[in-house]
Amino acid sequence: MHAPARGPRRLGRQGKEQQRLSRVYQYIEQHYHRASLSVQEVAEVAYLSVPAFCRYFRQMTRLTLTDFLQDFRVSHACRLLLEEEELSVTEVCYATGFNNVSHFNKTFRRHTNQSPTEYRRQRLAQ
């Protein structure tokens, strides 16, 4: 008799987890601009309950979904601020999924140590 092959099974599981995480990332990339994007929605994409998804996502990324979304949105806001100079800070705020300008400014400053206006002015002056 042959011993059960454990190596391929483990790789198969890792592959499935990578596929699941890829689906989640793809969904976030397609829907991050919606302020109403919910944990429930993203959990459904991963075929997990909300508590299971929260544990899974944190284990895989070391971030909560909220933290990940804020990082993702701020990085896209940085890109828009520099590439789309005709957009106001308010327009960038809403285009990146924030539904409150004050919250956008606070979150942006927490991630970059600058306001969106300061960030744009400094980067474009270089």
Foldseek 3Di string as FASTA:
>chain_A
DDDDDDVVVVVVVVVLLVVLVVQLVVVCVVPQLALPDDLCVSCVSSVHHSVVVQVSVCVVPVDGPVVVSLVVLLVVLLVCVAPVVVDDNVRSCNRRRHPDSVVNQVSNCVVVVDGSVVSSVVVVVD
